[in-house]
Amino acid sequence: MDLGSEWQRKGATLSDKTARKEFGLTPDEIVRSIRAGELQYRANSIHGSPFLRLLRREVEALVEKKHGGNFLKARQAKTELARVNRELKRLKAQVAALEERKACLTDEPGRRAGTGP
């Protein structure tokens, strides 16, 4: 695989902050792994705030090497569960708003159709 395209592919990279949150890595572990050649990085910034972009597959390999495959799978499941819960919360709020709008529209059928007083 072309390494340049991996840096461009959606989901193939993550920030150092996301690596810390998602995989439980410390900033020191990330820096040590970069210096040891286990992790490649690209310096980046958003709105003037600097951060490191890392390759997800390398971070996953590092975590698996340090903590084992079961730890990695458990962290990935926990992250996916959090994402699913956020999406469910968003969808529930959207359904509630639509139900409220539906109730408003069905409460005033005459005025909506223009046949009322």
C-alpha atoms as a PDB file:
ATOM      1  CA  MET A   1       0.000   0.000   0.000  1.00  0.00           C
ATOM      2  CA  ASP A   2       1.215   3.506  -0.791  1.00  0.00           C
ATOM      3  CA  LEU A   3       2.018   5.202   2.516  1.00  0.00           C
ATOM      4  CA  GLY A   4       1.061   8.632   1.154  1.00  0.00           C
ATOM      5  CA  SER A   5      -2.457   7.468   0.403  1.00  0.00           C
ATOM      6  CA  GLU A   6      -2.788   5.984   3.887  1.00  0.00           C
ATOM      7  CA  TRP A   7      -2.270   9.436   5.409  1.00  0.00           C
ATOM      8  CA  GLN A   8      -5.076  10.749   3.193  1.00  0.00           C
ATOM      9  CA  ARG A   9      -7.620   7.954   3.705  1.00  0.00           C
ATOM     10  CA  LYS A  10     -10.520   8.738   6.022  1.00  0.00           C
ATOM     11  CA  GLY A  11     -10.258   6.879   9.306  1.00  0.00           C
ATOM     12  CA  ALA A  12      -6.667   5.751   8.719  1.00  0.00           C
ATOM     13  CA  THR A  13      -5.237   8.442  10.987  1.00  0.00           C
ATOM     14  CA  LEU A  14      -6.073   9.811  14.395  1.00  0.00           C
ATOM     15  CA  SER A  15      -4.766  12.591  16.587  1.00  0.00           C
ATOM     16  CA  ASP A  16      -2.529  11.984  19.560  1.00  0.00           C
ATOM     17  CA  LYS A  17      -5.379  13.171  21.798  1.00  0.00           C
ATOM     18  CA  THR A  18      -7.747  10.596  20.286  1.00  0.00           C
ATOM     19  CA  ALA A  19      -5.084   7.892  20.684  1.00  0.00           C
ATOM     20  CA  ARG A  20      -4.802   8.794  24.371  1.00  0.00           C
ATOM     21  CA  LYS A  21      -8.561   8.772  24.884  1.00  0.00           C
ATOM     22  CA  GLU A  22      -9.462   5.790  22.711  1.00  0.00           C
ATOM     23  CA  PHE A  23      -6.553   3.484  23.544  1.00  0.00           C
ATOM     24  CA  GLY A  24      -5.446   4.672  26.978  1.00  0.00           C
ATOM     25  CA  LEU A  25      -1.972   5.752  25.870  1.00  0.00           C
ATOM     26  CA  THR A  26      -0.049   8.428  27.747  1.00  0.00           C
ATOM     27  CA  PRO A  27       1.718  11.321  26.010  1.00  0.00           C
ATOM     28  CA  ASP A  28       5.058   9.828  27.153  1.00  0.00           C
ATOM     29  CA  GLU A  29       4.224   6.440  25.606  1.00  0.00           C
ATOM     30  CA  ILE A  30       3.397   8.136  22.311  1.00  0.00           C
ATOM     31  CA  VAL A  31       6.632  10.173  22.291  1.00  0.00           C
ATOM     32  CA  ARG A  32       8.739   7.129  23.265  1.00  0.00           C
ATOM     33  CA  SER A  33       7.130   5.069  20.498  1.00  0.00           C
ATOM     34  CA  ILE A  34       7.782   7.805  17.941  1.00  0.00           C
ATOM     35  CA  ARG A  35      11.435   8.024  19.016  1.00  0.00           C
ATOM     36  CA  ALA A  36      11.740   4.219  18.881  1.00  0.00           C
ATOM     37  CA  GLY A  37      10.390   4.235  15.324  1.00  0.00           C
ATOM     38  CA  GLU A  38       7.231   2.309  16.240  1.00  0.00           C
ATOM     39  CA  LEU A  39       4.917   5.198  15.318  1.00  0.00           C
ATOM     40  CA  GLN A  40       5.075   7.570  12.380  1.00  0.00           C
ATOM     41  CA  TYR A  41       3.567  11.000  12.826  1.00  0.00           C
ATOM     42  CA  ARG A  42       2.773  14.186  11.022  1.00  0.00           C
ATOM     43  CA  ALA A  43       2.661  17.516  12.805  1.00  0.00           C
ATOM     44  CA  ASN A  44      -0.619  19.315  12.245  1.00  0.00           C
ATOM     45  CA  SER A  45      -2.636  22.168  13.716  1.00  0.00           C
ATOM     46  CA  ILE A  46      -6.221  23.307  13.806  1.00  0.00           C
ATOM     47  CA  HIS A  47      -6.980  26.943  14.600  1.00  0.00           C
ATOM     48  CA  GLY A  48      -3.415  27.375  15.825  1.00  0.00           C
ATOM     49  CA  SER A  49      -3.517  24.395  18.203  1.00  0.00           C
ATOM     50  CA  PRO A  50      -0.796  21.889  17.338  1.00  0.00           C
ATOM     51  CA  PHE A  51      -1.318  18.130  17.468  1.00  0.00           C
ATOM     52  CA  LEU A  52       0.231  14.974  16.086  1.00  0.00           C
ATOM     53  CA  ARG A  53      -1.479  12.819  13.478  1.00  0.00           C
ATOM     54  CA  LEU A  54      -0.753   9.124  13.870  1.00  0.00           C
ATOM     55  CA  LEU A  55      -1.538   6.105  11.727  1.00  0.00           C
ATOM     56  CA  ARG A  56      -4.353   4.138  13.350  1.00  0.00           C
ATOM     57  CA  ARG A  57      -2.946   0.732  12.349  1.00  0.00           C
ATOM     58  CA  GLU A  58       0.380   1.560  14.020  1.00  0.00           C
ATOM     59  CA  VAL A  59      -1.330   2.756  17.203  1.00  0.00           C
ATOM     60  CA  GLU A  60      -3.435  -0.420  17.287  1.00  0.00           C
ATOM     61  CA  ALA A  61      -0.321  -2.569  16.769  1.00  0.00           C
ATOM     62  CA  LEU A  62       1.463  -0.721  19.589  1.00  0.00           C
ATOM     63  CA  VAL A  63      -1.447  -1.187  21.996  1.00  0.00           C
ATOM     64  CA  GLU A  64      -1.785  -4.853  21.060  1.00  0.00           C
ATOM     65  CA  LYS A  65       1.958  -5.369  21.618  1.00  0.00           C
ATOM     66  CA  LYS A  66       1.903  -3.585  24.999  1.00  0.00           C
ATOM     67  CA  HIS A  67      -1.387  -4.862  26.432  1.00  0.00           C
ATOM     68  CA  GLY A  68      -2.465  -7.814  24.285  1.00  0.00           C
ATOM     69  CA  GLY A  69      -5.222  -8.413  21.760  1.00  0.00           C
ATOM     70  CA  ASN A  70      -8.007  -8.739  24.334  1.00  0.00           C
ATOM     71  CA  PHE A  71      -7.237  -5.277  25.724  1.00  0.00           C
ATOM     72  CA  LEU A  72      -7.312  -3.806  22.223  1.00  0.00           C
ATOM     73  CA  LYS A  73     -10.629  -5.489  21.395  1.00  0.00           C
ATOM     74  CA  ALA A  74     -12.139  -4.321  24.697  1.00  0.00           C
ATOM     75  CA  ARG A  75     -11.047  -0.713  24.064  1.00  0.00           C
ATOM     76  CA  GLN A  76     -12.394  -0.805  20.513  1.00  0.00           C
ATOM     77  CA  ALA A  77     -15.722  -2.213  21.741  1.00  0.00           C
ATOM     78  CA  LYS A  78     -15.940   0.472  24.425  1.00  0.00           C
ATOM     79  CA  THR A  79     -15.264   3.197  21.862  1.00  0.00           C
ATOM     80  CA  GLU A  80     -17.831   1.772  19.435  1.00  0.00           C
ATOM     81  CA  LEU A  81     -20.409   1.504  22.226  1.00  0.00           C
ATOM     82  CA  ALA A  82     -19.871   5.167  23.126  1.00  0.00           C
ATOM     83  CA  ARG A  83     -20.328   6.138  19.464  1.00  0.00           C
ATOM     84  CA  VAL A  84     -23.537   4.088  19.190  1.00  0.00           C
ATOM     85  CA  ASN A  85     -24.901   5.625  22.412  1.00  0.00           C
ATOM     86  CA  ARG A  86     -24.182   9.153  21.130  1.00  0.00           C
ATOM     87  CA  GLU A  87     -25.964   8.370  17.871  1.00  0.00           C
ATOM     88  CA  LEU A  88     -28.957   6.896  19.725  1.00  0.00           C
ATOM     89  CA  LYS A  89     -29.192   9.989  21.914  1.00  0.00           C
ATOM     90  CA  ARG A  90     -29.096  12.227  18.835  1.00  0.00           C
ATOM     91  CA  LEU A  91     -31.754  10.154  17.069  1.00  0.00           C
ATOM     92  CA  LYS A  92     -34.021  10.113  20.149  1.00  0.00           C
ATOM     93  CA  ALA A  93     -33.872  13.900  20.311  1.00  0.00           C
ATOM     94  CA  GLN A  94     -34.663  14.088  16.606  1.00  0.00           C
ATOM     95  CA  VAL A  95     -37.636  11.711  16.999  1.00  0.00           C
ATOM     96  CA  ALA A  96     -38.934  13.753  19.960  1.00  0.00           C
ATOM     97  CA  ALA A  97     -38.737  16.958  17.897  1.00  0.00           C
ATOM     98  CA  LEU A  98     -40.547  15.290  14.978  1.00  0.00           C
ATOM     99  CA  GLU A  99     -43.256  13.909  17.287  1.00  0.00           C
ATOM    100  CA  GLU A 100     -43.767  17.383  18.721  1.00  0.00           C
ATOM    101  CA  ARG A 101     -44.024  18.873  15.237  1.00  0.00           C
ATOM    102  CA  LYS A 102     -46.465  16.123  14.232  1.00  0.00           C
ATOM    103  CA  ALA A 103     -48.630  16.880  17.264  1.00  0.00           C
ATOM    104  CA  CYS A 104     -48.705  20.565  16.368  1.00  0.00           C
ATOM    105  CA  LEU A 105     -49.749  19.784  12.810  1.00  0.00           C
ATOM    106  CA  THR A 106     -52.501  17.339  13.781  1.00  0.00           C
ATOM    107  CA  ASP A 107     -53.939  19.588  16.519  1.00  0.00           C
ATOM    108  CA  GLU A 108     -54.859  22.349  14.064  1.00  0.00           C
ATOM    109  CA  PRO A 109     -56.086  20.606  10.899  1.00  0.00           C
ATOM    110  CA  GLY A 110     -58.559  23.356   9.904  1.00  0.00           C
ATOM    111  CA  ARG A 111     -56.129  26.221  10.102  1.00  0.00           C
ATOM    112  CA  ARG A 112     -53.395  24.316   8.311  1.00  0.00           C
ATOM    113  CA  ALA A 113     -55.639  23.466   5.356  1.00  0.00           C
ATOM    114  CA  GLY A 114     -56.916  27.011   5.099  1.00  0.00           C
ATOM    115  CA  THR A 115     -60.583  25.976   5.690  1.00  0.00           C
ATOM    116  CA  GLY A 116     -60.834  27.213   9.256  1.00  0.00           C
ATOM    117  CA  PRO A 117     -62.334  30.457  10.631  1.00  0.00           C
END
